[in-house]
Structure formats: C-alpha cells, structure tokens
N, C-alpha and C. Protein backbone atom coordinates (compact mmCIF):
# COMPACT_ATOMS: atom_id res chain seq x y z
N MET A 1 0.85 -1.15 0.08
CA MET A 1 0.14 0.11 0.12
C MET A 1 1.09 1.21 -0.09
N LYS A 2 0.55 1.98 -0.86
CA LYS A 2 1.26 3.46 -0.79
C LYS A 2 0.56 4.60 -0.43
N ARG A 3 1.03 5.51 0.38
CA ARG A 3 0.43 6.65 0.91
C ARG A 3 1.10 7.93 0.66
N TYR A 4 0.50 8.89 0.36
CA TYR A 4 0.98 10.23 0.11
C TYR A 4 0.66 11.07 1.44
N ILE A 5 1.68 11.72 2.15
CA ILE A 5 1.48 12.25 3.38
C ILE A 5 2.28 13.77 3.16
N PHE A 6 1.63 14.92 3.43
CA PHE A 6 2.06 16.07 3.29
C PHE A 6 2.33 16.48 4.83
N LEU A 7 3.72 17.08 5.08
CA LEU A 7 4.20 17.47 6.16
C LEU A 7 4.00 19.05 6.39
N ALA A 8 3.96 19.69 5.21
CA ALA A 8 3.62 21.13 4.88
C ALA A 8 3.01 21.13 3.64
N THR A 9 1.86 22.22 3.61
CA THR A 9 1.10 22.29 2.27
C THR A 9 0.76 23.82 1.81
N ASP A 10 1.49 24.35 0.96
CA ASP A 10 1.24 25.58 0.47
C ASP A 10 1.61 26.67 1.30
N LEU A 11 2.89 26.32 1.73
CA LEU A 11 3.53 27.69 2.90
C LEU A 11 4.15 28.89 1.95
N LEU A 12 3.61 29.82 2.15
CA LEU A 12 4.04 31.16 1.29
C LEU A 12 4.95 31.74 2.26
N VAL A 13 6.20 31.74 1.86
CA VAL A 13 7.57 32.15 2.82
C VAL A 13 8.12 33.39 2.17
N PRO A 14 7.73 34.42 2.92
CA PRO A 14 8.60 35.86 2.58
C PRO A 14 9.78 36.01 2.24
N VAL A 15 10.38 37.10 1.86
CA VAL A 15 11.71 37.27 1.44
C VAL A 15 12.59 36.99 2.67
N ASN A 16 13.76 36.73 2.62
CA ASN A 16 14.85 36.76 3.59
C ASN A 16 14.33 36.04 4.92
N THR A 17 13.56 35.18 4.99
CA THR A 17 12.53 34.82 6.29
C THR A 17 12.88 33.22 6.68
N THR A 18 12.87 32.88 7.66
CA THR A 18 13.06 31.30 7.81
C THR A 18 11.50 31.05 8.56
N TYR A 19 10.83 30.01 8.20
CA TYR A 19 9.73 29.64 8.66
C TYR A 19 10.11 28.46 9.50
N VAL A 20 9.50 28.48 10.74
CA VAL A 20 9.78 27.42 11.81
C VAL A 20 8.63 26.52 12.16
N ASP A 21 9.06 25.30 12.27
CA ASP A 21 7.81 24.68 13.17
C ASP A 21 7.29 25.01 14.27
N VAL A 22 6.04 25.03 14.61
CA VAL A 22 5.18 25.45 15.54
C VAL A 22 4.95 27.08 15.61
N THR A 23 5.96 28.05 15.22
CA THR A 23 5.92 29.37 15.07
C THR A 23 5.17 29.79 13.84
N ASN A 24 5.55 29.03 12.84
CA ASN A 24 4.85 29.76 11.51
C ASN A 24 3.90 28.77 10.74
N PHE A 25 4.16 27.57 11.31
CA PHE A 25 3.55 26.31 10.63
C PHE A 25 3.21 25.26 11.45
N THR A 26 2.76 24.16 11.42
CA THR A 26 2.68 23.11 12.13
C THR A 26 2.77 21.78 11.27
N SER A 27 3.80 21.01 11.27
CA SER A 27 4.44 20.14 10.40
C SER A 27 3.84 18.99 10.99
N LEU A 28 3.25 18.06 10.28
CA LEU A 28 2.60 16.77 10.56
C LEU A 28 4.18 15.90 11.33
N HIS A 29 3.69 15.13 12.31
CA HIS A 29 4.81 14.26 12.76
C HIS A 29 4.42 12.77 12.12
N ILE A 30 5.52 12.42 11.11
CA ILE A 30 4.98 11.05 10.49
C ILE A 30 5.85 9.98 11.27
N ASP A 31 4.99 8.90 11.67
CA ASP A 31 5.69 7.75 12.18
C ASP A 31 6.00 6.80 10.96
N LEU A 32 7.40 6.56 10.96
CA LEU A 32 7.65 5.47 9.94
C LEU A 32 8.17 4.24 10.28
N THR A 33 7.81 3.83 11.35
CA THR A 33 8.20 2.58 11.86
C THR A 33 7.62 1.39 11.19
N LYS A 34 6.55 1.52 10.56
CA LYS A 34 5.87 0.40 9.93
C LYS A 34 5.91 0.77 8.28
N VAL A 35 6.92 1.47 8.06
CA VAL A 35 7.19 1.64 6.61
C VAL A 35 8.54 1.08 6.08
N TRP A 36 8.28 0.40 4.82
CA TRP A 36 9.42 -0.24 4.37
C TRP A 36 10.51 0.49 3.46
N SER A 37 9.81 1.59 2.99
CA SER A 37 10.13 2.59 2.00
C SER A 37 9.59 3.89 2.04
N ALA A 38 10.51 4.80 2.09
CA ALA A 38 9.89 6.31 1.98
C ALA A 38 10.61 7.37 1.03
N ALA A 39 10.23 8.08 0.50
CA ALA A 39 10.70 9.16 -0.42
C ALA A 39 10.19 10.34 -0.22
N LEU A 40 10.93 11.48 0.06
CA LEU A 40 10.50 12.85 0.69
C LEU A 40 10.53 13.68 -0.71
N THR A 41 9.39 14.40 -0.97
CA THR A 41 9.34 15.23 -2.38
C THR A 41 9.11 16.52 -1.80
N LEU A 42 10.09 17.58 -2.36
CA LEU A 42 10.09 19.12 -2.27
C LEU A 42 9.58 19.93 -3.42
N TYR A 43 8.88 20.61 -2.89
CA TYR A 43 8.16 21.60 -4.04
C TYR A 43 8.28 22.83 -3.57
N ALA A 44 8.85 23.79 -4.87
CA ALA A 44 8.74 25.30 -4.53
C ALA A 44 8.43 25.85 -5.86
N LYS A 45 7.83 27.00 -5.53
CA LYS A 45 7.33 27.89 -6.73
C LYS A 45 7.51 29.33 -6.53
N GLY A 46 8.43 30.08 -7.13
CA GLY A 46 8.44 31.70 -6.71
C GLY A 46 7.45 32.36 -7.28
N THR A 47 7.08 33.55 -6.82
CA THR A 47 5.95 34.29 -7.32
C THR A 47 6.63 35.46 -8.24
N HIS A 48 7.78 35.62 -8.58
CA HIS A 48 8.30 36.42 -9.38
C HIS A 48 9.34 35.92 -10.46
N GLY A 49 9.23 36.23 -11.65
CA GLY A 49 10.03 35.52 -12.85
C GLY A 49 11.47 35.57 -12.59
N SER A 50 11.88 36.53 -11.66
CA SER A 50 13.66 36.65 -11.41
C SER A 50 13.83 35.87 -9.88
N CYS A 51 12.91 34.88 -9.53
CA CYS A 51 13.43 34.35 -8.39
C CYS A 51 14.34 33.14 -8.78
N ALA A 52 15.66 33.27 -8.10
CA ALA A 52 16.62 32.39 -8.49
C ALA A 52 17.67 31.76 -7.32
N LEU A 53 17.25 32.13 -6.32
CA LEU A 53 18.05 31.65 -5.23
C LEU A 53 17.37 30.10 -4.67
N ALA A 54 18.32 29.57 -3.77
CA ALA A 54 17.97 28.10 -3.19
C ALA A 54 17.14 28.23 -2.06
N VAL A 55 15.78 27.67 -1.97
CA VAL A 55 15.05 27.55 -1.01
C VAL A 55 15.56 26.21 0.03
N VAL A 56 15.77 26.52 1.26
CA VAL A 56 16.55 25.40 2.21
C VAL A 56 15.68 24.93 2.84
N TYR A 57 15.32 23.52 2.89
CA TYR A 57 14.61 22.68 3.85
C TYR A 57 15.44 21.99 4.85
N LYS A 58 14.91 21.97 6.36
CA LYS A 58 15.37 21.39 7.17
C LYS A 58 14.58 20.34 7.95
N PHE A 59 15.10 19.13 8.25
CA PHE A 59 13.84 18.18 8.55
C PHE A 59 14.69 17.65 9.98
N ALA A 60 13.80 17.22 10.90
CA ALA A 60 14.16 16.79 12.16
C ALA A 60 13.44 15.29 12.57
N THR A 61 14.28 14.40 13.02
CA THR A 61 13.70 13.10 13.69
C THR A 61 13.55 12.99 15.13
N TYR A 62 12.87 12.08 15.45
CA TYR A 62 12.47 11.99 16.82
C TYR A 62 13.39 10.62 17.41
N ASP A 63 13.76 11.14 18.80
CA ASP A 63 14.61 10.20 19.35
C ASP A 63 13.84 9.51 20.45
N SER A 64 13.57 8.14 20.20
CA SER A 64 12.67 7.61 21.26
C SER A 64 13.40 7.43 22.62
N LEU A 65 14.73 7.21 22.56
CA LEU A 65 15.25 6.88 23.73
C LEU A 65 15.08 8.28 24.61
N ARG A 66 15.20 9.50 24.11
CA ARG A 66 15.07 10.57 25.03
C ARG A 66 13.65 11.00 25.12
N ALA A 67 13.01 10.69 24.26
CA ALA A 67 11.22 10.78 23.96
C ALA A 67 11.24 12.39 23.51
N GLN A 68 11.83 12.76 22.76
CA GLN A 68 11.94 14.01 22.25
C GLN A 68 12.17 14.33 20.92
N TRP A 69 11.98 15.24 19.97
CA TRP A 69 12.57 15.42 18.78
C TRP A 69 13.82 16.19 18.70
N ASP A 70 14.74 15.96 17.82
CA ASP A 70 16.04 16.37 18.08
C ASP A 70 15.94 17.76 17.49
N THR A 71 16.88 18.68 18.28
CA THR A 71 16.81 20.12 17.79
C THR A 71 17.81 20.42 16.55
N ILE A 72 18.67 19.48 16.21
CA ILE A 72 19.68 19.50 15.31
C ILE A 72 19.04 18.74 14.04
N GLU A 73 19.07 19.26 12.88
CA GLU A 73 18.55 18.73 11.82
C GLU A 73 19.02 17.42 11.35
N TYR A 74 18.16 16.50 10.86
CA TYR A 74 18.69 15.31 10.36
C TYR A 74 18.93 15.52 8.92
N LEU A 75 18.24 16.19 8.22
CA LEU A 75 18.59 16.64 6.82
C LEU A 75 18.69 17.98 6.42
N SER A 76 19.34 18.33 5.81
CA SER A 76 19.11 19.85 5.27
C SER A 76 19.47 19.60 3.51
N THR A 77 18.42 20.12 2.94
CA THR A 77 18.79 20.16 1.53
C THR A 77 18.15 21.52 0.93
N SER A 78 18.64 21.86 -0.29
CA SER A 78 18.33 23.00 -1.05
C SER A 78 17.45 22.58 -2.26
N LEU A 79 16.73 23.49 -2.58
CA LEU A 79 16.02 23.37 -4.13
C LEU A 79 16.12 24.72 -4.59
N PHE A 80 16.69 24.76 -5.73
CA PHE A 80 16.95 25.90 -6.56
C PHE A 80 15.52 26.37 -7.43
N MET A 81 15.41 27.84 -7.25
CA MET A 81 14.18 28.45 -7.72
C MET A 81 14.64 28.81 -9.42
N TYR A 82 13.47 28.66 -10.31
CA TYR A 82 13.80 29.18 -11.69
C TYR A 82 12.58 29.91 -12.01
N GLY A 83 12.45 31.17 -11.33
CA GLY A 83 11.32 32.10 -11.72
C GLY A 83 10.10 31.54 -11.08
N THR A 84 9.07 31.63 -11.98
CA THR A 84 7.83 30.96 -11.48
C THR A 84 7.41 29.61 -12.01
N ALA A 85 8.68 29.04 -12.61
CA ALA A 85 8.43 27.42 -12.81
C ALA A 85 8.38 26.89 -11.40
N ILE A 86 7.68 25.67 -11.47
CA ILE A 86 7.88 24.62 -10.28
C ILE A 86 9.07 24.09 -10.25
N SER A 87 9.73 23.74 -9.21
CA SER A 87 11.02 23.30 -8.92
C SER A 87 10.57 22.11 -7.72
N GLN A 88 10.92 20.80 -8.45
CA GLN A 88 10.75 19.72 -7.41
C GLN A 88 12.06 18.69 -7.14
N LYS A 89 12.18 18.26 -5.87
CA LYS A 89 13.34 17.17 -5.74
C LYS A 89 12.80 16.19 -4.79
N THR A 90 13.27 15.12 -5.14
CA THR A 90 12.91 13.62 -4.40
C THR A 90 14.09 13.17 -3.69
N ILE A 91 14.14 12.75 -2.70
CA ILE A 91 14.97 12.19 -1.65
C ILE A 91 14.39 10.98 -1.08
N THR A 92 15.21 9.89 -1.21
CA THR A 92 14.61 8.54 -0.71
C THR A 92 15.61 8.55 0.79
N PHE A 93 14.52 8.07 1.62
CA PHE A 93 15.08 7.71 3.03
C PHE A 93 15.52 6.27 3.04
N ASP A 94 16.71 6.07 3.32
CA ASP A 94 17.35 4.49 3.59
C ASP A 94 18.56 4.76 4.34
N PRO A 95 18.45 4.09 5.66
CA PRO A 95 16.93 3.49 6.06
C PRO A 95 16.15 4.82 6.65
N CYS A 96 14.95 4.29 6.59
CA CYS A 96 13.63 5.32 7.28
C CYS A 96 14.12 5.58 8.80
N PRO A 97 14.08 6.95 8.95
CA PRO A 97 14.00 7.36 10.64
C PRO A 97 12.76 6.81 11.01
N GLU A 98 12.75 6.93 12.42
CA GLU A 98 11.76 6.45 13.24
C GLU A 98 10.32 7.40 12.96
N LYS A 99 10.59 8.57 13.39
CA LYS A 99 9.41 9.58 12.72
C LYS A 99 10.39 10.93 12.22
N VAL A 100 9.86 11.68 11.44
CA VAL A 100 10.29 13.05 10.83
C VAL A 100 9.19 13.87 10.64
N LYS A 101 9.89 15.15 10.65
CA LYS A 101 9.12 16.45 10.42
C LYS A 101 9.63 17.67 9.75
N LEU A 102 8.96 18.47 9.17
CA LEU A 102 9.82 19.62 8.77
C LEU A 102 10.04 20.50 9.78
N LEU A 103 11.26 20.91 9.92
CA LEU A 103 11.93 21.66 11.00
C LEU A 103 11.75 23.15 10.67
N SER A 104 12.38 23.54 9.30
CA SER A 104 12.22 24.83 8.93
C SER A 104 12.43 24.97 7.53
N VAL A 105 11.91 26.01 6.97
CA VAL A 105 12.18 26.45 5.51
C VAL A 105 12.82 27.94 5.42
N TYR A 106 13.65 28.00 4.60
CA TYR A 106 14.41 29.48 4.51
C TYR A 106 14.29 29.91 3.04
N ASN A 107 13.85 31.26 2.82
CA ASN A 107 13.72 31.65 1.71
C ASN A 107 14.81 32.69 1.56
N PRO A 108 16.01 32.55 0.83
CA PRO A 108 17.17 33.50 0.72
C PRO A 108 16.78 34.72 -0.09
N GLU A 109 15.86 34.75 -0.95
CA GLU A 109 15.62 36.04 -1.67
C GLU A 109 15.43 37.28 -0.83
N THR A 110 16.05 38.32 -1.37
CA THR A 110 16.22 39.66 -0.84
C THR A 110 15.26 40.88 -1.47
N THR A 111 14.97 40.51 -2.62
CA THR A 111 14.29 41.69 -3.32
C THR A 111 12.67 41.53 -2.98
N SER A 112 12.08 42.54 -2.49
CA SER A 112 10.65 42.94 -2.16
C SER A 112 9.53 42.13 -3.10
N GLY A 113 8.84 41.28 -2.61
CA GLY A 113 7.90 40.41 -3.56
C GLY A 113 8.20 39.38 -3.91
N TYR A 114 9.75 38.71 -3.71
CA TYR A 114 9.94 37.43 -4.11
C TYR A 114 9.67 36.44 -3.18
N THR A 115 8.41 36.09 -3.04
CA THR A 115 8.07 35.31 -2.12
C THR A 115 8.02 33.81 -2.68
N VAL A 116 8.13 32.74 -1.85
CA VAL A 116 7.92 31.54 -2.22
C VAL A 116 7.05 30.54 -1.70
N THR A 117 6.34 29.72 -2.59
CA THR A 117 5.12 28.79 -2.16
C THR A 117 6.11 27.46 -2.11
N VAL A 118 5.87 26.67 -0.96
CA VAL A 118 6.59 25.56 -0.71
C VAL A 118 5.73 24.58 -0.23
N ASN A 119 6.02 23.06 -0.54
CA ASN A 119 5.48 21.96 0.06
C ASN A 119 6.51 21.04 0.22
N ALA A 120 6.08 19.91 1.06
CA ALA A 120 7.13 19.01 1.46
C ALA A 120 6.13 17.86 1.77
N SER A 121 6.40 16.74 1.07
CA SER A 121 5.38 15.52 1.27
C SER A 121 6.25 14.17 1.16
N LEU A 122 5.58 13.03 1.81
CA LEU A 122 6.27 11.71 1.82
C LEU A 122 5.38 10.82 1.12
N VAL A 123 6.15 9.91 0.44
CA VAL A 123 5.43 8.88 -0.24
C VAL A 123 5.95 7.62 0.46
N CYS A 124 4.92 7.08 1.06
CA CYS A 124 5.40 6.04 1.86
C CYS A 124 4.86 4.63 1.54
N HIS A 125 5.52 3.34 1.34
CA HIS A 125 5.24 2.28 1.08
C HIS A 125 5.17 1.46 2.38
N PHE A 126 3.59 1.13 2.89
CA PHE A 126 3.80 0.31 4.03
C PHE A 126 3.82 -1.04 4.07
N VAL A 127 4.22 -1.76 4.99
CA VAL A 127 4.47 -3.15 5.06
C VAL A 127 3.31 -3.67 5.00
C-alpha cells in the first residue's frame, strides 16, 4: 500500500525569512516505523520571474530514547528556484528514520515581492 502524506502544504514564505515549525506552521509528525520505504518530495514555486536562489529545507527526527524531537536537523537540502516555474526534488530515505517532521524552510531572496510557495510530502510504502 502506498500513501502520500504532506508535512506542510502551500506555505508562502516571505523574502529573507525562515519559517519554523510551531511558530509559522505546524508540520505533521510522521511515524515511519511500519514503513519499508519512503521518499521525500520537495516543491517550490517563486512568485516572481526573477526568483533564482535556493530554498533551504530542514528536517528533524524523533529520538525515542530521549522521548523528544532532535533540535539539530537530520537532513538539510536546497531546492533551486527558476522564476515562477515549479521546482521539485525527491530524496529517498534509506534507512527510514523512526519519525520525521519539517523543521524549517528558508527563503534567501532579498528583493521585495520574491516570496516562495513551498510544499513537503512523503510517499510511504507500508508493510
């Protein structure tokens, strides 16, 4: 069975801003203990034709031994913008972490009006 799960949908990130989980949005906390494979798909679309910098996504995992989310990112990755075209990137988890959430999204653009719409989703193949 395959399942698509969005960690965050249609976040509109302003210029030179970092959106952080809980403060600016609420990421889903996805339990991957019963998943035999998972792929993370990132999506970004600029609101201006000249958007050209890389949006930075950071993800955190859950530490069941300490019963808390890690504060240091498990994965940090960039997705380059190409104006108003949709940019997409897929990353396979191997092995899958126990739980994962979107920790933050950063839009490095500094020109007024260069906001970015972002999404982060998982495709999970359950046992």
